[in-house]
Protein backbone atom coordinates (compact mmCIF):
# COMPACT_ATOMS: atom_id res chain seq x y z
CA MET A 1 134.95 87.23 87.27
CA THR A 2 135.66 89.95 89.79
CA PRO A 3 133.48 90.20 92.87
CA ALA A 4 131.00 93.06 92.89
CA LYS A 5 131.97 96.07 94.92
CA LYS A 6 130.00 96.47 98.11
CA ARG A 7 128.32 99.81 98.43
CA ALA A 8 128.82 101.50 101.72
CA VAL A 9 125.66 102.55 103.47
CA SER A 10 125.98 105.97 105.03
CA ASP A 11 125.02 106.66 108.62
CA GLU A 12 122.19 108.83 107.31
CA GLN A 13 120.84 105.93 105.23
CA LYS A 14 121.14 103.56 108.18
CA ALA A 15 119.22 105.99 110.38
CA ALA A 16 116.48 106.35 107.75
CA MET A 17 116.17 102.57 107.43
CA ALA A 18 116.01 102.17 111.21
CA GLU A 19 113.32 104.85 111.41
CA GLY A 20 111.30 103.10 108.70
CA ARG A 21 111.51 99.78 110.53
CA ALA A 22 110.45 101.42 113.79
CA GLN A 23 107.49 103.09 112.09
CA SER A 24 106.45 99.81 110.49
CA ARG A 25 106.58 98.12 113.90
CA SER A 26 104.21 100.73 115.31
CA ILE A 27 101.78 100.77 112.38
CA ALA A 28 101.48 97.05 111.63
CA PRO A 29 100.09 96.00 115.06
CA TYR A 30 97.35 98.65 114.86
CA LEU A 31 96.30 97.59 111.36
CA GLU A 32 96.36 93.92 112.40
CA ALA A 33 94.25 94.68 115.50
CA LEU A 34 91.74 96.57 113.35
CA GLU A 35 91.49 93.61 110.99
CA ALA A 36 91.11 91.12 113.83
CA HIS A 37 88.30 93.11 115.44
CA LYS A 38 86.55 94.31 112.31
CA PRO A 39 82.78 94.29 112.81
CA LYS A 40 81.02 91.66 110.77
CA ARG A 41 78.22 92.53 108.40
CA GLY A 42 74.65 91.79 109.29
CA ARG A 43 72.82 91.51 112.53
CA LYS A 44 75.05 91.73 115.60
CA ARG A 45 74.96 88.87 118.06
CA THR A 46 74.64 89.47 121.76
CA PRO A 47 75.75 87.12 124.53
CA GLU A 48 72.04 86.48 125.20
CA SER A 49 71.28 85.52 121.60
CA ILE A 50 74.32 83.23 121.59
CA ASP A 51 73.17 81.56 124.82
CA LYS A 52 69.70 81.08 123.35
CA ARG A 53 71.12 79.41 120.23
CA LEU A 54 73.42 77.23 122.37
CA ALA A 55 70.39 75.99 124.32
CA THR A 56 68.61 75.18 121.07
CA ILE A 57 71.65 73.29 119.81
CA ASP A 58 71.79 71.24 123.02
CA ARG A 59 68.15 70.22 122.51
CA GLU A 60 68.66 69.41 118.82
CA LEU A 61 71.72 67.25 119.51
CA ASP A 62 69.61 64.56 121.19
CA ASP A 63 67.57 63.77 118.07
CA ALA A 64 70.14 64.55 115.37
CA ASN A 65 71.75 62.00 113.06
CA GLN A 66 75.56 61.86 112.98
CA ILE A 67 75.99 64.30 110.10
CA LYS A 68 73.66 66.84 111.71
CA ARG A 69 75.39 66.26 115.08
CA LEU A 70 78.73 67.05 113.51
CA SER A 71 77.38 70.32 112.14
CA LEU A 72 75.73 71.24 115.46
CA VAL A 73 78.87 70.47 117.46
CA GLN A 74 80.91 72.73 115.17
CA GLU A 75 78.31 75.50 115.43
CA ARG A 76 78.39 75.18 119.23
CA LEU A 77 82.19 75.48 119.25
CA ASP A 78 82.01 78.53 116.98
CA LEU A 79 79.38 80.16 119.20
CA LEU A 80 81.37 79.52 122.37
CA GLU A 81 84.39 81.16 120.80
CA GLU A 82 82.30 84.09 119.58
CA ARG A 83 80.78 84.57 123.04
CA GLU A 84 84.25 84.56 124.59
CA ASN A 85 85.42 87.16 122.08
CA LEU A 86 82.41 89.36 122.81
CA GLN A 87 83.17 89.32 126.51
CA ARG A 88 86.83 90.20 125.99
CA ASP A 89 87.32 93.94 125.96
CA VAL A 90 89.45 95.11 123.09
CA ASP A 91 91.70 98.03 123.93
CA LEU A 92 93.29 99.46 120.84
CA SER A 93 94.40 102.67 122.57
CA GLN A 94 98.08 101.75 122.94
CA TYR A 95 98.30 100.58 119.33
CA GLU A 96 96.34 103.64 118.25
CA ASP A 97 98.65 106.06 120.06
CA ASP A 98 101.72 104.50 118.42
CA PHE A 99 99.95 104.60 115.06
CA VAL A 100 99.01 108.28 115.45
CA GLU A 101 102.59 109.14 116.34
CA ASN A 102 104.07 107.51 113.23
CA ALA A 103 101.43 107.23 110.52
CA LYS A 104 101.81 110.65 108.91
CA SER A 105 105.55 110.46 108.28
CA TYR A 106 105.29 106.78 107.29
CA GLY A 107 102.47 107.54 104.87
CA GLU A 108 104.30 110.49 103.35
CA ARG A 109 107.48 108.46 102.92
CA LYS A 110 105.62 105.51 101.37
CA GLY A 111 103.07 107.52 99.37
CA ILE A 112 100.07 106.15 101.32
CA SER A 113 96.89 108.15 100.69
CA TYR A 114 94.08 109.00 103.10
CA GLN A 115 91.78 106.70 101.14
CA ALA A 116 94.19 103.76 101.44
CA TRP A 117 94.24 104.12 105.24
CA ARG A 118 90.43 104.33 105.27
CA GLU A 119 90.06 101.21 103.12
CA LEU A 120 92.09 99.29 105.69
CA GLY A 121 89.59 100.37 108.34
CA VAL A 122 91.44 103.21 110.05
CA PRO A 123 88.75 105.54 111.43
CA ALA A 124 88.68 109.11 110.11
CA ALA A 125 89.06 110.46 113.65
CA VAL A 126 92.31 108.52 114.11
CA LEU A 127 93.66 109.82 110.81
CA LYS A 128 92.75 113.34 111.86
CA ARG A 129 94.66 112.87 115.13
CA ALA A 130 97.63 111.65 113.10
CA GLY A 131 97.47 114.75 110.90
CA ILE A 132 96.47 112.82 107.78
CA THR A 133 93.83 114.59 105.71
CA ARG A 134 92.06 113.97 102.44
CA ALA A 135 94.02 116.84 100.93
CA GLY A 136 97.24 115.02 101.76
CA SER A 137 98.70 117.65 104.05
């Protein structure tokens, strides 16, 4: 059996692949940040409402059986994490700027529609800044 011939990749192809990788590296962090900070459905919690529930949990822990204690301890840990996340400012501007710079050409090259970007949570205003429209131009 003869070994398969290796195809030579042209400099133009290498440049196109490098550009695609660079665009992916600028788009992926923005989409991941959007997913990580996606608003949850339902009533929004405030730091005050979290503190109020934490105080209630502390009172309930004294009289709770072990199974209920376990549940309350986990709820307390979840609330403490949620409160910390609420207090942390999320700045997507750097990711957003990189996304805006690369999204249109990436989307055109990959056949990504306006609706697909929107379903992933990209705001319409950001798509407009990137030059991505519903009409696809």
